[in-house]
Amino acid sequence: MKYLTSDPILETDLVLIYVDDNPAFYGRVEAITADVKKKWWQVKFLFLTMPAQVTTWTIDDNQIRGADFTMGGTPIRIEKVVVPEEPEVSEQPEEAGGSQKKARVLSLDRSGKKNS
């Protein structure tokens, strides 16, 4: 059983949804609004599935922080994804080796032609 974390999910967060304790799909939190019940929330997700789906779940304070819950008897958990920072590309020569790092450009052109 996964216990809650201290940080709740927030709007625009990327989340991983676990179903039956297995990672199932990613989603983005689109909106969070207070529910009519105290300490409950209406959380609108964009699920990054094929096709993409928008849905709203009603979850409580613990569930918004990663606590386990069930939907129709199926165990569910929402886990905030920490998005890695893009690595910096240095334009300055390295001190020890004197070589210069350059950014690598990947082409999405599938025609077989080389970029110049």
PDB file of N, CA and C in Angstrom:
ATOM      1  N   MET A   1       0.840  -1.184   0.000  1.00  0.00           N
ATOM      2  CA  MET A   1       0.000   0.000   0.000  1.00  0.00           C
ATOM      3  C   MET A   1       0.882   1.243   0.000  1.00  0.00           C
ATOM      4  N   LYS A   2       0.593   2.166  -0.863  1.00  0.00           N
ATOM      5  CA  LYS A   2       1.341   3.434  -0.965  1.00  0.00           C
ATOM      6  C   LYS A   2       0.658   4.459  -0.085  1.00  0.00           C
ATOM      7  N   TYR A   3       1.454   5.147   0.705  1.00  0.00           N
ATOM      8  CA  TYR A   3       0.909   6.178   1.575  1.00  0.00           C
ATOM      9  C   TYR A   3       1.091   7.544   0.943  1.00  0.00           C
ATOM     10  N   LEU A   4       0.315   8.495   1.414  1.00  0.00           N
ATOM     11  CA  LEU A   4       0.325   9.812   0.823  1.00  0.00           C
ATOM     12  C   LEU A   4       1.659  10.528   1.006  1.00  0.00           C
ATOM     13  N   THR A   5       1.930  11.431   0.088  1.00  0.00           N
ATOM     14  CA  THR A   5       3.105  12.286   0.185  1.00  0.00           C
ATOM     15  C   THR A   5       2.647  13.637   0.705  1.00  0.00           C
ATOM     16  N   SER A   6       3.593  14.516   0.956  1.00  0.00           N
ATOM     17  CA  SER A   6       3.220  15.824   1.482  1.00  0.00           C
ATOM     18  C   SER A   6       2.787  16.788   0.383  1.00  0.00           C
ATOM     19  N   ASP A   7       3.236  16.559  -0.850  1.00  0.00           N
ATOM     20  CA  ASP A   7       2.928  17.485  -1.935  1.00  0.00           C
ATOM     21  C   ASP A   7       1.706  17.028  -2.726  1.00  0.00           C
ATOM     22  N   PRO A   8       0.683  17.876  -2.784  1.00  0.00           N
ATOM     23  CA  PRO A   8      -0.481  17.520  -3.609  1.00  0.00           C
ATOM     24  C   PRO A   8      -0.171  17.759  -5.082  1.00  0.00           C
ATOM     25  N   ILE A   9      -0.950  17.114  -5.950  1.00  0.00           N
ATOM     26  CA  ILE A   9      -0.827  17.429  -7.371  1.00  0.00           C
ATOM     27  C   ILE A   9      -1.414  18.817  -7.589  1.00  0.00           C
ATOM     28  N   LEU A  10      -0.884  19.507  -8.583  1.00  0.00           N
ATOM     29  CA  LEU A  10      -1.335  20.862  -8.909  1.00  0.00           C
ATOM     30  C   LEU A  10      -1.696  20.936 -10.385  1.00  0.00           C
ATOM     31  N   GLU A  11      -2.404  21.991 -10.757  1.00  0.00           N
ATOM     32  CA  GLU A  11      -2.743  22.181 -12.162  1.00  0.00           C
ATOM     33  C   GLU A  11      -1.476  22.235 -13.002  1.00  0.00           C
ATOM     34  N   THR A  12      -1.516  21.622 -14.149  1.00  0.00           N
ATOM     35  CA  THR A  12      -0.447  21.460 -15.150  1.00  0.00           C
ATOM     36  C   THR A  12       0.565  20.381 -14.783  1.00  0.00           C
ATOM     37  N   ASP A  13       0.423  19.730 -13.617  1.00  0.00           N
ATOM     38  CA  ASP A  13       1.341  18.640 -13.265  1.00  0.00           C
ATOM     39  C   ASP A  13       1.125  17.450 -14.190  1.00  0.00           C
ATOM     40  N   LEU A  14       2.222  16.756 -14.470  1.00  0.00           N
ATOM     41  CA  LEU A  14       2.161  15.488 -15.181  1.00  0.00           C
ATOM     42  C   LEU A  14       2.047  14.407 -14.121  1.00  0.00           C
ATOM     43  N   VAL A  15       1.130  13.463 -14.317  1.00  0.00           N
ATOM     44  CA  VAL A  15       0.919  12.396 -13.341  1.00  0.00           C
ATOM     45  C   VAL A  15       0.962  11.038 -14.033  1.00  0.00           C
ATOM     46  N   LEU A  16       1.283  10.030 -13.251  1.00  0.00           N
ATOM     47  CA  LEU A  16       1.227   8.644 -13.707  1.00  0.00           C
ATOM     48  C   LEU A  16       0.128   7.974 -12.908  1.00  0.00           C
ATOM     49  N   ILE A  17      -0.810   7.361 -13.596  1.00  0.00           N
ATOM     50  CA  ILE A  17      -1.927   6.679 -12.951  1.00  0.00           C
ATOM     51  C   ILE A  17      -1.589   5.198 -12.841  1.00  0.00           C
ATOM     52  N   TYR A  18      -1.664   4.684 -11.621  1.00  0.00           N
ATOM     53  CA  TYR A  18      -1.444   3.259 -11.361  1.00  0.00           C
ATOM     54  C   TYR A  18      -2.803   2.580 -11.238  1.00  0.00           C
ATOM     55  N   VAL A  19      -2.948   1.446 -11.893  1.00  0.00           N
ATOM     56  CA  VAL A  19      -4.152   0.625 -11.805  1.00  0.00           C
ATOM     57  C   VAL A  19      -3.704  -0.756 -11.360  1.00  0.00           C
ATOM     58  N   ASP A  20      -4.294  -1.279 -10.306  1.00  0.00           N
ATOM     59  CA  ASP A  20      -3.884  -2.567  -9.724  1.00  0.00           C
ATOM     60  C   ASP A  20      -2.383  -2.573  -9.416  1.00  0.00           C
ATOM     61  N   ASP A  21      -1.868  -1.466  -8.865  1.00  0.00           N
ATOM     62  CA  ASP A  21      -0.455  -1.310  -8.482  1.00  0.00           C
ATOM     63  C   ASP A  21       0.516  -1.390  -9.649  1.00  0.00           C
ATOM     64  N   ASN A  22       0.033  -1.225 -10.874  1.00  0.00           N
ATOM     65  CA  ASN A  22       0.894  -1.208 -12.062  1.00  0.00           C
ATOM     66  C   ASN A  22       0.734   0.123 -12.781  1.00  0.00           C
ATOM     67  N   PRO A  23       1.851   0.714 -13.266  1.00  0.00           N
ATOM     68  CA  PRO A  23       1.723   1.957 -14.032  1.00  0.00           C
ATOM     69  C   PRO A  23       0.868   1.701 -15.271  1.00  0.00           C
ATOM     70  N   ALA A  24      -0.152   2.536 -15.479  1.00  0.00           N
ATOM     71  CA  ALA A  24      -1.095   2.286 -16.575  1.00  0.00           C
ATOM     72  C   ALA A  24      -1.031   3.355 -17.668  1.00  0.00           C
ATOM     73  N   PHE A  25      -1.047   4.630 -17.282  1.00  0.00           N
ATOM     74  CA  PHE A  25      -1.022   5.697 -18.288  1.00  0.00           C
ATOM     75  C   PHE A  25      -0.669   7.024 -17.624  1.00  0.00           C
ATOM     76  N   TYR A  26      -0.217   7.959 -18.482  1.00  0.00           N
ATOM     77  CA  TYR A  26       0.115   9.308 -18.024  1.00  0.00           C
ATOM     78  C   TYR A  26      -1.071  10.231 -18.235  1.00  0.00           C
ATOM     79  N   GLY A  27      -1.058  11.325 -17.506  1.00  0.00           N
ATOM     80  CA  GLY A  27      -2.066  12.350 -17.684  1.00  0.00           C
ATOM     81  C   GLY A  27      -1.521  13.697 -17.242  1.00  0.00           C
ATOM     82  N   ARG A  28      -2.241  14.737 -17.615  1.00  0.00           N
ATOM     83  CA  ARG A  28      -1.900  16.082 -17.162  1.00  0.00           C
ATOM     84  C   ARG A  28      -3.098  16.624 -16.401  1.00  0.00           C
ATOM     85  N   VAL A  29      -2.832  17.280 -15.275  1.00  0.00           N
ATOM     86  CA  VAL A  29      -3.892  17.881 -14.479  1.00  0.00           C
ATOM     87  C   VAL A  29      -4.289  19.184 -15.145  1.00  0.00           C
ATOM     88  N   GLU A  30      -5.526  19.260 -15.594  1.00  0.00           N
ATOM     89  CA  GLU A  30      -6.029  20.438 -16.295  1.00  0.00           C
ATOM     90  C   GLU A  30      -6.623  21.471 -15.347  1.00  0.00           C
ATOM     91  N   ALA A  31      -7.355  21.011 -14.333  1.00  0.00           N
ATOM     92  CA  ALA A  31      -8.013  21.933 -13.401  1.00  0.00           C
ATOM     93  C   ALA A  31      -8.306  21.209 -12.097  1.00  0.00           C
ATOM     94  N   ILE A  32      -8.282  21.968 -11.010  1.00  0.00           N
ATOM     95  CA  ILE A  32      -8.658  21.444  -9.697  1.00  0.00           C
ATOM     96  C   ILE A  32      -9.607  22.452  -9.069  1.00  0.00           C
ATOM     97  N   THR A  33     -10.809  21.979  -8.719  1.00  0.00           N
ATOM     98  CA  THR A  33     -11.785  22.845  -8.076  1.00  0.00           C
ATOM     99  C   THR A  33     -12.341  22.145  -6.843  1.00  0.00           C
ATOM    100  N   ALA A  34     -12.754  22.934  -5.887  1.00  0.00           N
ATOM    101  CA  ALA A  34     -13.316  22.384  -4.657  1.00  0.00           C
ATOM    102  C   ALA A  34     -14.638  21.683  -4.955  1.00  0.00           C
ATOM    103  N   ASP A  35     -14.826  20.554  -4.326  1.00  0.00           N
ATOM    104  CA  ASP A  35     -16.088  19.817  -4.440  1.00  0.00           C
ATOM    105  C   ASP A  35     -17.065  20.386  -3.409  1.00  0.00           C
ATOM    106  N   VAL A  36     -18.335  20.004  -3.498  1.00  0.00           N
ATOM    107  CA  VAL A  36     -19.313  20.450  -2.507  1.00  0.00           C
ATOM    108  C   VAL A  36     -19.020  19.854  -1.133  1.00  0.00           C
ATOM    109  N   LYS A  37     -18.393  18.663  -1.110  1.00  0.00           N
ATOM    110  CA  LYS A  37     -18.016  18.040   0.158  1.00  0.00           C
ATOM    111  C   LYS A  37     -16.694  18.632   0.630  1.00  0.00           C
ATOM    112  N   LYS A  38     -16.598  18.959   1.897  1.00  0.00           N
ATOM    113  CA  LYS A  38     -15.388  19.538   2.462  1.00  0.00           C
ATOM    114  C   LYS A  38     -14.225  18.544   2.336  1.00  0.00           C
ATOM    115  N   LYS A  39     -13.049  19.060   1.940  1.00  0.00           N
ATOM    116  CA  LYS A  39     -11.811  18.289   1.772  1.00  0.00           C
ATOM    117  C   LYS A  39     -11.864  17.303   0.604  1.00  0.00           C
ATOM    118  N   TRP A  40     -12.760  17.550  -0.370  1.00  0.00           N
ATOM    119  CA  TRP A  40     -12.828  16.771  -1.595  1.00  0.00           C
ATOM    120  C   TRP A  40     -12.637  17.718  -2.764  1.00  0.00           C
ATOM    121  N   TRP A  41     -12.134  17.184  -3.873  1.00  0.00           N
ATOM    122  CA  TRP A  41     -11.758  17.983  -5.027  1.00  0.00           C
ATOM    123  C   TRP A  41     -12.267  17.376  -6.320  1.00  0.00           C
ATOM    124  N   GLN A  42     -12.625  18.242  -7.269  1.00  0.00           N
ATOM    125  CA  GLN A  42     -12.938  17.833  -8.633  1.00  0.00           C
ATOM    126  C   GLN A  42     -11.658  18.057  -9.437  1.00  0.00           C
ATOM    127  N   VAL A  43     -11.047  16.973  -9.902  1.00  0.00           N
ATOM    128  CA  VAL A  43      -9.783  17.077 -10.634  1.00  0.00           C
ATOM    129  C   VAL A  43     -10.031  16.663 -12.080  1.00  0.00           C
ATOM    130  N   LYS A  44      -9.800  17.620 -12.981  1.00  0.00           N
ATOM    131  CA  LYS A  44      -9.976  17.372 -14.414  1.00  0.00           C
ATOM    132  C   LYS A  44      -8.623  16.967 -14.992  1.00  0.00           C
ATOM    133  N   PHE A  45      -8.586  15.799 -15.631  1.00  0.00           N
ATOM    134  CA  PHE A  45      -7.369  15.252 -16.221  1.00  0.00           C
ATOM    135  C   PHE A  45      -7.481  15.203 -17.740  1.00  0.00           C
ATOM    136  N   LEU A  46      -6.354  15.372 -18.400  1.00  0.00           N
ATOM    137  CA  LEU A  46      -6.199  15.009 -19.807  1.00  0.00           C
ATOM    138  C   LEU A  46      -5.358  13.739 -19.776  1.00  0.00           C
ATOM    139  N   PHE A  47      -5.976  12.587 -20.020  1.00  0.00           N
ATOM    140  CA  PHE A  47      -5.248  11.325 -20.028  1.00  0.00           C
ATOM    141  C   PHE A  47      -4.570  11.154 -21.380  1.00  0.00           C
ATOM    142  N   LEU A  48      -3.280  10.892 -21.344  1.00  0.00           N
ATOM    143  CA  LEU A  48      -2.473  10.781 -22.554  1.00  0.00           C
ATOM    144  C   LEU A  48      -2.512   9.342 -23.051  1.00  0.00           C
ATOM    145  N   THR A  49      -3.685   8.964 -23.500  1.00  0.00           N
ATOM    146  CA  THR A  49      -3.947   7.622 -24.026  1.00  0.00           C
ATOM    147  C   THR A  49      -4.249   7.764 -25.512  1.00  0.00           C
ATOM    148  N   MET A  50      -4.479   6.648 -26.169  1.00  0.00           N
ATOM    149  CA  MET A  50      -4.852   6.677 -27.588  1.00  0.00           C
ATOM    150  C   MET A  50      -6.298   6.230 -27.706  1.00  0.00           C
ATOM    151  N   PRO A  51      -7.243   7.062 -28.014  1.00  0.00           N
ATOM    152  CA  PRO A  51      -7.111   8.508 -28.164  1.00  0.00           C
ATOM    153  C   PRO A  51      -7.029   9.184 -26.793  1.00  0.00           C
ATOM    154  N   ALA A  52      -6.570  10.436 -26.771  1.00  0.00           N
ATOM    155  CA  ALA A  52      -6.508  11.214 -25.535  1.00  0.00           C
ATOM    156  C   ALA A  52      -7.920  11.372 -24.980  1.00  0.00           C
ATOM    157  N   GLN A  53      -8.042  11.400 -23.658  1.00  0.00           N
ATOM    158  CA  GLN A  53      -9.352  11.510 -23.020  1.00  0.00           C
ATOM    159  C   GLN A  53      -9.319  12.576 -21.942  1.00  0.00           C
ATOM    160  N   VAL A  54     -10.400  13.300 -21.801  1.00  0.00           N
ATOM    161  CA  VAL A  54     -10.551  14.271 -20.721  1.00  0.00           C
ATOM    162  C   VAL A  54     -11.623  13.742 -19.791  1.00  0.00           C
ATOM    163  N   THR A  55     -11.314  13.710 -18.498  1.00  0.00           N
ATOM    164  CA  THR A  55     -12.280  13.236 -17.519  1.00  0.00           C
ATOM    165  C   THR A  55     -12.059  13.955 -16.205  1.00  0.00           C
ATOM    166  N   THR A  56     -13.063  13.931 -15.352  1.00  0.00           N
ATOM    167  CA  THR A  56     -12.962  14.549 -14.030  1.00  0.00           C
ATOM    168  C   THR A  56     -13.214  13.490 -12.969  1.00  0.00           C
ATOM    169  N   TRP A  57     -12.303  13.409 -12.015  1.00  0.00           N
ATOM    170  CA  TRP A  57     -12.449  12.508 -10.871  1.00  0.00           C
ATOM    171  C   TRP A  57     -12.683  13.346  -9.623  1.00  0.00           C
ATOM    172  N   THR A  58     -13.506  12.834  -8.732  1.00  0.00           N
ATOM    173  CA  THR A  58     -13.701  13.443  -7.424  1.00  0.00           C
ATOM    174  C   THR A  58     -12.831  12.670  -6.442  1.00  0.00           C
ATOM    175  N   ILE A  59     -11.823  13.357  -5.888  1.00  0.00           N
ATOM    176  CA  ILE A  59     -10.890  12.700  -4.963  1.00  0.00           C
ATOM    177  C   ILE A  59     -10.727  13.554  -3.713  1.00  0.00           C
ATOM    178  N   ASP A  60     -10.283  12.910  -2.632  1.00  0.00           N
ATOM    179  CA  ASP A  60     -10.161  13.640  -1.371  1.00  0.00           C
ATOM    180  C   ASP A  60      -8.733  14.143  -1.153  1.00  0.00           C
ATOM    181  N   ASP A  61      -8.519  14.810  -0.020  1.00  0.00           N
ATOM    182  CA  ASP A  61      -7.212  15.402   0.302  1.00  0.00           C
ATOM    183  C   ASP A  61      -6.071  14.385   0.287  1.00  0.00           C
ATOM    184  N   ASN A  62      -6.308  13.187   0.785  1.00  0.00           N
ATOM    185  CA  ASN A  62      -5.260  12.169   0.800  1.00  0.00           C
ATOM    186  C   ASN A  62      -4.963  11.637  -0.599  1.00  0.00           C
ATOM    187  N   GLN A  63      -5.995  11.406  -1.375  1.00  0.00           N
ATOM    188  CA  GLN A  63      -5.829  10.863  -2.730  1.00  0.00           C
ATOM    189  C   GLN A  63      -5.114  11.860  -3.647  1.00  0.00           C
ATOM    190  N   ILE A  64      -5.325  13.155  -3.424  1.00  0.00           N
ATOM    191  CA  ILE A  64      -4.665  14.176  -4.240  1.00  0.00           C
ATOM    192  C   ILE A  64      -3.166  14.230  -3.916  1.00  0.00           C
ATOM    193  N   ARG A  65      -2.776  13.591  -2.795  1.00  0.00           N
ATOM    194  CA  ARG A  65      -1.368  13.522  -2.375  1.00  0.00           C
ATOM    195  C   ARG A  65      -0.766  12.127  -2.607  1.00  0.00           C
ATOM    196  N   GLY A  66      -1.469  11.262  -3.319  1.00  0.00           N
ATOM    197  CA  GLY A  66      -0.911   9.974  -3.696  1.00  0.00           C
ATOM    198  C   GLY A  66      -1.385   8.765  -2.922  1.00  0.00           C
ATOM    199  N   ALA A  67      -2.371   8.930  -2.041  1.00  0.00           N
ATOM    200  CA  ALA A  67      -2.887   7.778  -1.296  1.00  0.00           C
ATOM    201  C   ALA A  67      -3.682   6.857  -2.221  1.00  0.00           C
ATOM    202  N   ASP A  68      -3.643   5.571  -1.912  1.00  0.00           N
ATOM    203  CA  ASP A  68      -4.414   4.577  -2.673  1.00  0.00           C
ATOM    204  C   ASP A  68      -5.910   4.814  -2.488  1.00  0.00           C
ATOM    205  N   PHE A  69      -6.679   4.497  -3.529  1.00  0.00           N
ATOM    206  CA  PHE A  69      -8.135   4.474  -3.434  1.00  0.00           C
ATOM    207  C   PHE A  69      -8.640   3.459  -4.441  1.00  0.00           C
ATOM    208  N   THR A  70      -9.924   3.220  -4.475  1.00  0.00           N
ATOM    209  CA  THR A  70     -10.483   2.273  -5.444  1.00  0.00           C
ATOM    210  C   THR A  70     -11.574   2.955  -6.260  1.00  0.00           C
ATOM    211  N   MET A  71     -11.718   2.459  -7.486  1.00  0.00           N
ATOM    212  CA  MET A  71     -12.819   2.873  -8.358  1.00  0.00           C
ATOM    213  C   MET A  71     -13.464   1.587  -8.852  1.00  0.00           C
ATOM    214  N   GLY A  72     -14.690   1.368  -8.443  1.00  0.00           N
ATOM    215  CA  GLY A  72     -15.374   0.136  -8.827  1.00  0.00           C
ATOM    216  C   GLY A  72     -14.641  -1.101  -8.334  1.00  0.00           C
ATOM    217  N   GLY A  73     -13.960  -0.985  -7.202  1.00  0.00           N
ATOM    218  CA  GLY A  73     -13.215  -2.106  -6.630  1.00  0.00           C
ATOM    219  C   GLY A  73     -11.797  -2.251  -7.173  1.00  0.00           C
ATOM    220  N   THR A  74     -11.407  -1.440  -8.138  1.00  0.00           N
ATOM    221  CA  THR A  74     -10.065  -1.509  -8.729  1.00  0.00           C
ATOM    222  C   THR A  74      -9.142  -0.522  -8.023  1.00  0.00           C
ATOM    223  N   PRO A  75      -8.006  -0.991  -7.495  1.00  0.00           N
ATOM    224  CA  PRO A  75      -7.065  -0.080  -6.831  1.00  0.00           C
ATOM    225  C   PRO A  75      -6.470   0.932  -7.819  1.00  0.00           C
ATOM    226  N   ILE A  76      -6.463   2.210  -7.396  1.00  0.00           N
ATOM    227  CA  ILE A  76      -5.960   3.321  -8.211  1.00  0.00           C
ATOM    228  C   ILE A  76      -5.012   4.146  -7.344  1.00  0.00           C
ATOM    229  N   ARG A  77      -4.000   4.721  -7.971  1.00  0.00           N
ATOM    230  CA  ARG A  77      -3.109   5.664  -7.287  1.00  0.00           C
ATOM    231  C   ARG A  77      -2.645   6.708  -8.298  1.00  0.00           C
ATOM    232  N   ILE A  78      -2.574   7.954  -7.871  1.00  0.00           N
ATOM    233  CA  ILE A  78      -2.094   9.055  -8.703  1.00  0.00           C
ATOM    234  C   ILE A  78      -0.725   9.448  -8.175  1.00  0.00           C
ATOM    235  N   GLU A  79       0.274   9.413  -9.047  1.00  0.00           N
ATOM    236  CA  GLU A  79       1.637   9.766  -8.643  1.00  0.00           C
ATOM    237  C   GLU A  79       2.132  10.935  -9.492  1.00  0.00           C
ATOM    238  N   LYS A  80       2.583  11.990  -8.812  1.00  0.00           N
ATOM    239  CA  LYS A  80       3.138  13.147  -9.525  1.00  0.00           C
ATOM    240  C   LYS A  80       4.436  12.729 -10.192  1.00  0.00           C
ATOM    241  N   VAL A  81       4.625  13.118 -11.450  1.00  0.00           N
ATOM    242  CA  VAL A  81       5.847  12.812 -12.194  1.00  0.00           C
ATOM    243  C   VAL A  81       6.768  14.024 -12.107  1.00  0.00           C
ATOM    244  N   VAL A  82       8.013  13.760 -11.734  1.00  0.00           N
ATOM    245  CA  VAL A  82       9.013  14.817 -11.730  1.00  0.00           C
ATOM    246  C   VAL A  82       9.623  14.850 -13.122  1.00  0.00           C
ATOM    247  N   VAL A  83       9.375  15.939 -13.836  1.00  0.00           N
ATOM    248  CA  VAL A  83       9.860  16.074 -15.204  1.00  0.00           C
ATOM    249  C   VAL A  83      11.332  16.480 -15.145  1.00  0.00           C
ATOM    250  N   PRO A  84      12.212  15.717 -15.818  1.00  0.00           N
ATOM    251  CA  PRO A  84      13.636  16.060 -15.767  1.00  0.00           C
ATOM    252  C   PRO A  84      13.907  17.372 -16.479  1.00  0.00           C
ATOM    253  N   GLU A  85      14.869  18.099 -15.959  1.00  0.00           N
ATOM    254  CA  GLU A  85      15.274  19.357 -16.583  1.00  0.00           C
ATOM    255  C   GLU A  85      16.048  19.055 -17.848  1.00  0.00           C
ATOM    256  N   GLU A  86      15.925  19.928 -18.831  1.00  0.00           N
ATOM    257  CA  GLU A  86      16.683  19.774 -20.070  1.00  0.00           C
ATOM    258  C   GLU A  86      18.143  20.082 -19.765  1.00  0.00           C
ATOM    259  N   PRO A  87      19.066  19.207 -20.193  1.00  0.00           N
ATOM    260  CA  PRO A  87      20.480  19.460 -19.889  1.00  0.00           C
ATOM    261  C   PRO A  87      20.968  20.714 -20.607  1.00  0.00           C
ATOM    262  N   GLU A  88      21.853  21.437 -19.927  1.00  0.00           N
ATOM    263  CA  GLU A  88      22.426  22.626 -20.540  1.00  0.00           C
ATOM    264  C   GLU A  88      23.491  22.223 -21.532  1.00  0.00           C
ATOM    265  N   VAL A  89      23.576  22.964 -22.626  1.00  0.00           N
ATOM    266  CA  VAL A  89      24.605  22.726 -23.623  1.00  0.00           C
ATOM    267  C   VAL A  89      25.608  23.856 -23.484  1.00  0.00           C
ATOM    268  N   SER A  90      26.843  23.487 -23.212  1.00  0.00           N
ATOM    269  CA  SER A  90      27.886  24.480 -23.000  1.00  0.00           C
ATOM    270  C   SER A  90      28.485  24.913 -24.328  1.00  0.00           C
ATOM    271  N   GLU A  91      28.619  26.197 -24.509  1.00  0.00           N
ATOM    272  CA  GLU A  91      29.285  26.744 -25.694  1.00  0.00           C
ATOM    273  C   GLU A  91      30.723  27.121 -25.357  1.00  0.00           C
ATOM    274  N   GLN A  92      31.095  26.967 -24.089  1.00  0.00           N
ATOM    275  CA  GLN A  92      32.444  27.318 -23.647  1.00  0.00           C
ATOM    276  C   GLN A  92      33.332  26.086 -23.700  1.00  0.00           C
ATOM    277  N   PRO A  93      34.601  26.256 -24.031  1.00  0.00           N
ATOM    278  CA  PRO A  93      35.522  25.118 -24.018  1.00  0.00           C
ATOM    279  C   PRO A  93      35.653  24.555 -22.606  1.00  0.00           C
ATOM    280  N   GLU A  94      35.806  23.226 -22.542  1.00  0.00           N
ATOM    281  CA  GLU A  94      36.044  22.593 -21.248  1.00  0.00           C
ATOM    282  C   GLU A  94      37.432  22.984 -20.779  1.00  0.00           C
ATOM    283  N   GLU A  95      37.580  23.175 -19.470  1.00  0.00           N
ATOM    284  CA  GLU A  95      38.862  23.626 -18.936  1.00  0.00           C
ATOM    285  C   GLU A  95      39.956  22.592 -19.121  1.00  0.00           C
ATOM    286  N   ALA A  96      39.694  21.338 -18.809  1.00  0.00           N
ATOM    287  CA  ALA A  96      40.747  20.326 -18.843  1.00  0.00           C
ATOM    288  C   ALA A  96      41.109  19.915 -20.261  1.00  0.00           C
ATOM    289  N   GLY A  97      40.132  19.556 -21.064  1.00  0.00           N
ATOM    290  CA  GLY A  97      40.423  19.021 -22.388  1.00  0.00           C
ATOM    291  C   GLY A  97      40.468  20.055 -23.482  1.00  0.00           C
ATOM    292  N   GLY A  98      39.909  21.224 -23.253  1.00  0.00           N
ATOM    293  CA  GLY A  98      39.906  22.259 -24.265  1.00  0.00           C
ATOM    294  C   GLY A  98      38.941  22.008 -25.404  1.00  0.00           C
ATOM    295  N   SER A  99      38.174  20.913 -25.362  1.00  0.00           N
ATOM    296  CA  SER A  99      37.227  20.648 -26.443  1.00  0.00           C
ATOM    297  C   SER A  99      35.932  21.401 -26.187  1.00  0.00           C
ATOM    298  N   GLN A 100      35.185  21.637 -27.228  1.00  0.00           N
ATOM    299  CA  GLN A 100      33.949  22.387 -27.126  1.00  0.00           C
ATOM    300  C   GLN A 100      32.776  21.443 -27.372  1.00  0.00           C
ATOM    301  N   LYS A 101      31.747  21.515 -26.517  1.00  0.00           N
ATOM    302  CA  LYS A 101      30.551  20.695 -26.690  1.00  0.00           C
ATOM    303  C   LYS A 101      29.586  21.425 -27.594  1.00  0.00           C
ATOM    304  N   LYS A 102      28.935  20.692 -28.479  1.00  0.00           N
ATOM    305  CA  LYS A 102      27.941  21.288 -29.366  1.00  0.00           C
ATOM    306  C   LYS A 102      26.627  20.530 -29.213  1.00  0.00           C
ATOM    307  N   ALA A 103      25.548  21.249 -29.414  1.00  0.00           N
ATOM    308  CA  ALA A 103      24.235  20.621 -29.366  1.00  0.00           C
ATOM    309  C   ALA A 103      24.081  19.689 -30.551  1.00  0.00           C
ATOM    310  N   ARG A 104      23.394  18.587 -30.332  1.00  0.00           N
ATOM    311  CA  ARG A 104      23.129  17.635 -31.393  1.00  0.00           C
ATOM    312  C   ARG A 104      21.718  17.876 -31.913  1.00  0.00           C
ATOM    313  N   VAL A 105      21.570  18.004 -33.212  1.00  0.00           N
ATOM    314  CA  VAL A 105      20.273  18.242 -33.820  1.00  0.00           C
ATOM    315  C   VAL A 105      19.784  16.950 -34.448  1.00  0.00           C
ATOM    316  N   LEU A 106      18.587  16.556 -34.084  1.00  0.00           N
ATOM    317  CA  LEU A 106      17.983  15.350 -34.642  1.00  0.00           C
ATOM    318  C   LEU A 106      16.938  15.759 -35.663  1.00  0.00           C
ATOM    319  N   SER A 107      17.041  15.214 -36.852  1.00  0.00           N
ATOM    320  CA  SER A 107      16.101  15.545 -37.912  1.00  0.00           C
ATOM    321  C   SER A 107      14.915  14.594 -37.879  1.00  0.00           C
ATOM    322  N   LEU A 108      13.746  15.143 -38.080  1.00  0.00           N
ATOM    323  CA  LEU A 108      12.540  14.323 -38.173  1.00  0.00           C
ATOM    324  C   LEU A 108      12.178  14.049 -39.626  1.00  0.00           C
ATOM    325  N   ASP A 109      13.031  14.494 -40.538  1.00  0.00           N
ATOM    326  CA  ASP A 109      12.831  14.279 -41.967  1.00  0.00           C
ATOM    327  C   ASP A 109      13.106  12.812 -42.281  1.00  0.00           C
ATOM    328  N   ARG A 110      12.137  12.108 -42.799  1.00  0.00           N
ATOM    329  CA  ARG A 110      12.277  10.679 -43.090  1.00  0.00           C
ATOM    330  C   ARG A 110      12.482  10.414 -44.576  1.00  0.00           C
ATOM    331  N   SER A 111      12.783  11.458 -45.351  1.00  0.00           N
ATOM    332  CA  SER A 111      12.933  11.279 -46.799  1.00  0.00           C
ATOM    333  C   SER A 111      14.280  10.674 -47.166  1.00  0.00           C
ATOM    334  N   GLY A 112      15.203  10.614 -46.204  1.00  0.00           N
ATOM    335  CA  GLY A 112      16.512  10.043 -46.483  1.00  0.00           C
ATOM    336  C   GLY A 112      17.541  11.081 -46.868  1.00  0.00           C
ATOM    337  N   LYS A 113      17.105  12.341 -47.059  1.00  0.00           N
ATOM    338  CA  LYS A 113      18.047  13.405 -47.394  1.00  0.00           C
ATOM    339  C   LYS A 113      18.768  13.861 -46.143  1.00  0.00           C
ATOM    340  N   LYS A 114      20.050  14.188 -46.292  1.00  0.00           N
ATOM    341  CA  LYS A 114      20.846  14.719 -45.188  1.00  0.00           C
ATOM    342  C   LYS A 114      20.627  16.213 -45.091  1.00  0.00           C
ATOM    343  N   ASN A 115      20.567  16.712 -43.872  1.00  0.00           N
ATOM    344  CA  ASN A 115      20.502  18.168 -43.657  1.00  0.00           C
ATOM    345  C   ASN A 115      21.890  18.750 -43.832  1.00  0.00           C
ATOM    346  N   SER A 116      21.989  19.944 -44.417  1.00  0.00           N
ATOM    347  CA  SER A 116      23.299  20.558 -44.559  1.00  0.00           C
ATOM    348  C   SER A 116      23.442  21.742 -43.629  1.00  0.00           C
TER     349      SER A 116
END
